[in-house]
Protein backbone atom coordinates (compact mmCIF):
# COMPACT_ATOMS: atom_id res chain seq x y z
CA MET A 1 32.83 18.28 17.79
CA ARG A 2 30.05 20.47 16.42
CA PHE A 3 30.57 18.99 12.95
CA LEU A 4 30.45 15.40 14.18
CA LEU A 5 26.69 15.21 14.74
CA PRO A 6 25.68 16.57 11.30
CA ALA A 7 28.23 14.25 9.66
CA LEU A 8 26.72 11.26 11.45
CA LEU A 9 23.18 12.27 10.52
CA PHE A 10 24.02 12.60 6.83
CA SER A 11 25.78 9.25 6.80
CA LEU A 12 22.78 7.31 8.13
CA PRO A 13 21.07 5.21 5.45
CA VAL A 14 17.50 5.91 4.50
CA TRP A 15 15.40 2.92 5.48
CA ALA A 16 12.72 1.84 3.07
CA ALA A 17 9.87 -0.40 4.12
CA THR A 18 10.28 -4.10 3.35
CA PRO A 19 7.71 -5.89 1.16
CA ALA A 20 6.35 -7.62 4.29
CA GLU A 21 5.85 -4.25 6.00
CA ILE A 22 4.17 -2.87 2.89
CA GLU A 23 1.87 -5.90 2.72
CA TYR A 24 0.88 -5.38 6.36
CA THR A 25 0.19 -1.71 5.63
CA VAL A 26 -1.97 -2.61 2.62
CA GLN A 27 -3.95 -5.10 4.73
CA GLN A 28 -4.53 -2.52 7.44
CA ILE A 29 -5.65 0.21 5.04
CA LEU A 30 -7.98 -2.07 3.08
CA ALA A 31 -9.56 -3.31 6.31
CA ARG A 32 -9.92 0.23 7.68
CA GLU A 33 -11.57 1.43 4.46
CA GLY A 34 -13.86 -1.62 4.34
CA ALA A 35 -12.69 -2.92 0.96
CA LEU A 36 -13.77 -6.56 0.88
CA PHE A 37 -13.80 -7.61 -2.77
CA VAL A 38 -10.13 -7.10 -3.60
CA ASP A 39 -7.05 -9.15 -4.38
CA TYR A 40 -3.58 -7.68 -4.05
CA SER A 41 0.06 -8.58 -4.35
CA VAL A 42 3.24 -6.89 -3.22
CA GLY A 43 6.33 -7.47 -5.33
CA GLY A 44 9.89 -7.81 -4.10
CA SER A 45 10.56 -4.17 -4.95
CA GLY A 46 7.52 -3.06 -2.94
CA ARG A 47 5.21 -2.53 -5.91
CA VAL A 48 1.55 -2.97 -4.94
CA ILE A 49 -0.97 -4.33 -7.44
CA LEU A 50 -4.68 -4.25 -6.53
CA LEU A 51 -7.52 -5.97 -8.36
CA PHE A 52 -10.97 -4.86 -7.24
CA GLY A 53 -13.97 -7.03 -8.03
CA ILE A 54 -16.98 -5.63 -9.84
CA ASN A 55 -18.97 -6.04 -6.64
CA GLU A 56 -16.79 -3.45 -4.83
CA PRO A 57 -18.53 -0.03 -4.89
CA ASP A 58 -16.69 2.70 -6.81
CA TRP A 59 -16.77 5.11 -3.86
CA ARG A 60 -15.05 2.54 -1.64
CA ILE A 61 -12.39 1.85 -4.28
CA GLU A 62 -11.69 5.57 -4.58
CA LYS A 63 -11.45 5.94 -0.80
CA ALA A 64 -9.10 2.94 -0.44
CA VAL A 65 -6.86 4.00 -3.34
CA LYS A 66 -6.52 7.54 -1.97
CA ALA A 67 -5.59 6.16 1.46
CA LEU A 68 -3.00 3.82 -0.07
CA GLN A 69 -1.51 6.53 -2.29
CA SER A 70 -1.14 8.89 0.65
CA HIS A 71 0.83 6.38 2.74
CA PRO A 72 4.58 7.17 2.68
CA ASP A 73 5.70 3.52 2.51
CA ILE A 74 3.73 2.79 -0.67
CA LYS A 75 5.70 4.22 -3.58
CA ASP A 76 4.32 2.27 -6.55
CA LEU A 77 0.61 1.45 -6.73
CA THR A 78 -1.28 -0.03 -9.66
CA TRP A 79 -4.98 -0.81 -9.43
CA VAL A 80 -7.85 -1.83 -11.67
CA LYS A 81 -11.51 -2.73 -11.29
CA THR A 82 -12.21 -6.04 -12.99
CA ASP A 83 -15.47 -7.32 -14.44
CA THR A 84 -15.38 -10.39 -12.19
CA ASP A 85 -17.14 -10.96 -8.86
CA PHE A 86 -14.67 -11.57 -6.03
CA CYS A 87 -15.30 -13.41 -2.79
CA PRO A 88 -14.83 -11.15 0.25
CA ILE A 89 -11.47 -11.21 2.01
CA ARG A 90 -11.46 -12.13 5.67
């Protein structure tokens, strides 16, 4: 009996976040950090790609990227600051 519980715990699958859950997380973090001039996409594997507009301040980009990188559900993050003005997200 004492070996049953550890055996069950080791046999449980590790649940990864779905792309929809990752997208929700990205939305929440970007809103919390105040990043407005950004476009993003989340791939089927959970990869997050961020495009920041030139009108997004560098300090805000750094703050948002650090927050996204520190989140355990976001495993693969690629970001770049473009030379194009973006309209603010709502």
